[in-house]
Amino acid sequence: MTNIKNIVEISGFGKNTGYEQACQQMLQQGMDWIEAHPKPKLKGHSYQNVYGIFEPDSKDAKALSEAVCKGVDATGAMHQAVMGHLFYIAANGIDKWKKEVTKHDK
């Protein structure tokens, strides 16, 4: 299991907030699901100029969404943000994601 917690701040509300810790838990749960389901067929959509609504459009995306939200009282914004990161990881790999999300640290 690859630990990806705390590599990047998801929420923008600070690393020590409960909101951010929930995002981190969701991110890790999603990564665990991706590792258990190699090459998932992920399809989903959101709405232009509307944040906080993400709709999973494939069976795999729905399963990932369920895994991400398990045991977390998540807002729509949390869900959309985390799913965006996980879709990127699934499509491009963990190493490329880490490189992209840590660019601002340099």
Protein backbone atom coordinates (compact mmCIF):
# COMPACT_ATOMS: atom_id res chain seq x y z
CA MET A 1 0.00 0.00 0.00
CA THR A 2 1.41 3.36 -1.07
CA ASN A 3 1.06 6.07 1.55
CA ILE A 4 0.17 9.36 -0.15
CA LYS A 5 -1.16 11.22 2.88
CA ASN A 6 0.22 14.70 3.41
CA ILE A 7 2.18 14.93 0.15
CA VAL A 8 0.03 17.87 -0.90
CA GLU A 9 -2.55 19.98 0.87
CA ILE A 10 -5.90 19.33 -0.80
CA SER A 11 -8.23 21.84 0.87
CA GLY A 12 -6.19 24.99 1.21
CA PHE A 13 -7.47 25.37 4.77
CA GLY A 14 -4.24 24.30 6.46
CA LYS A 15 -2.64 20.94 7.08
CA ASN A 16 -3.74 20.72 10.72
CA THR A 17 -7.45 21.29 10.20
CA GLY A 18 -10.04 18.55 10.51
CA TYR A 19 -11.25 19.45 7.03
CA GLU A 20 -7.82 18.79 5.53
CA GLN A 21 -7.34 15.60 7.52
CA ALA A 22 -10.64 14.31 6.13
CA CYS A 23 -9.40 15.11 2.60
CA GLN A 24 -6.18 13.23 3.33
CA GLN A 25 -8.11 10.22 4.60
CA MET A 26 -10.26 10.27 1.46
CA LEU A 27 -7.17 10.54 -0.75
CA GLN A 28 -5.54 7.55 0.95
CA GLN A 29 -8.71 5.45 0.79
CA GLY A 30 -8.94 6.22 -2.91
CA MET A 31 -5.30 5.32 -3.49
CA ASP A 32 -5.84 2.02 -1.70
CA TRP A 33 -8.82 1.33 -4.00
CA ILE A 34 -6.80 2.19 -7.13
CA GLU A 35 -4.00 -0.15 -6.08
CA ALA A 36 -6.54 -2.93 -5.55
CA HIS A 37 -8.12 -2.25 -8.97
CA PRO A 38 -5.36 -1.73 -11.54
CA LYS A 39 -6.33 0.12 -14.72
CA PRO A 40 -9.80 1.20 -13.65
CA LYS A 41 -12.16 2.68 -16.21
CA LEU A 42 -12.83 6.04 -14.59
CA LYS A 43 -15.31 8.44 -16.09
CA GLY A 44 -16.96 11.33 -14.34
CA HIS A 45 -17.99 14.92 -14.78
CA SER A 46 -18.45 18.19 -12.98
CA TYR A 47 -20.05 21.42 -14.07
CA GLN A 48 -18.40 24.52 -15.50
CA ASN A 49 -18.29 27.35 -12.96
CA VAL A 50 -19.81 25.14 -10.25
CA TYR A 51 -17.59 23.61 -7.58
CA GLY A 52 -18.63 20.89 -5.21
CA ILE A 53 -20.56 18.63 -7.52
CA PHE A 54 -18.78 15.66 -9.06
CA GLU A 55 -20.71 12.88 -10.75
CA PRO A 56 -19.08 9.48 -11.29
CA ASP A 57 -20.17 8.18 -14.70
CA SER A 58 -18.68 4.68 -14.78
CA LYS A 59 -19.00 1.62 -12.57
CA ASP A 60 -15.37 1.98 -11.48
CA ALA A 61 -15.76 5.69 -10.74
CA LYS A 62 -18.82 4.96 -8.60
CA ALA A 63 -16.92 2.27 -6.69
CA LEU A 64 -13.96 4.63 -6.21
CA SER A 65 -16.31 7.35 -4.98
CA GLU A 66 -17.84 4.97 -2.44
CA ALA A 67 -14.39 3.93 -1.21
CA VAL A 68 -13.27 7.55 -0.94
CA CYS A 69 -16.27 8.60 1.13
CA LYS A 70 -16.44 5.57 3.43
CA GLY A 71 -16.43 6.70 7.03
CA VAL A 72 -15.91 10.37 6.17
CA ASP A 73 -18.43 13.17 6.52
CA ALA A 74 -17.38 14.84 3.28
CA THR A 75 -18.54 17.99 1.56
CA GLY A 76 -19.08 18.09 -2.18
CA ALA A 77 -15.98 20.24 -2.54
CA MET A 78 -13.86 17.68 -0.69
CA HIS A 79 -15.23 14.91 -2.90
CA GLN A 80 -14.60 16.80 -6.14
CA ALA A 81 -11.07 17.81 -5.15
CA VAL A 82 -10.03 14.34 -4.04
CA MET A 83 -11.59 12.61 -7.03
CA GLY A 84 -9.71 14.97 -9.36
CA HIS A 85 -6.41 13.96 -7.79
CA LEU A 86 -7.31 10.28 -7.93
CA PHE A 87 -8.42 10.40 -11.57
CA TYR A 88 -5.06 12.03 -12.37
CA ILE A 89 -3.16 9.34 -10.44
CA ALA A 90 -5.08 6.54 -12.17
CA ALA A 91 -4.43 8.03 -15.62
CA ASN A 92 -0.83 9.22 -15.19
CA GLY A 93 0.72 7.28 -12.32
CA ILE A 94 1.71 8.16 -8.79
CA ASP A 95 5.18 9.42 -9.71
CA LYS A 96 3.89 11.98 -12.22
CA TRP A 97 1.25 13.12 -9.72
CA LYS A 98 3.87 13.58 -6.99
CA LYS A 99 6.04 15.59 -9.38
CA GLU A 100 3.12 17.82 -10.39
CA VAL A 101 1.76 18.47 -6.91
CA THR A 102 5.14 19.24 -5.38
CA LYS A 103 6.25 21.74 -8.06
CA HIS A 104 5.15 24.67 -5.92
CA ASP A 105 7.45 23.53 -3.08
CA LYS A 106 10.58 24.25 -5.14
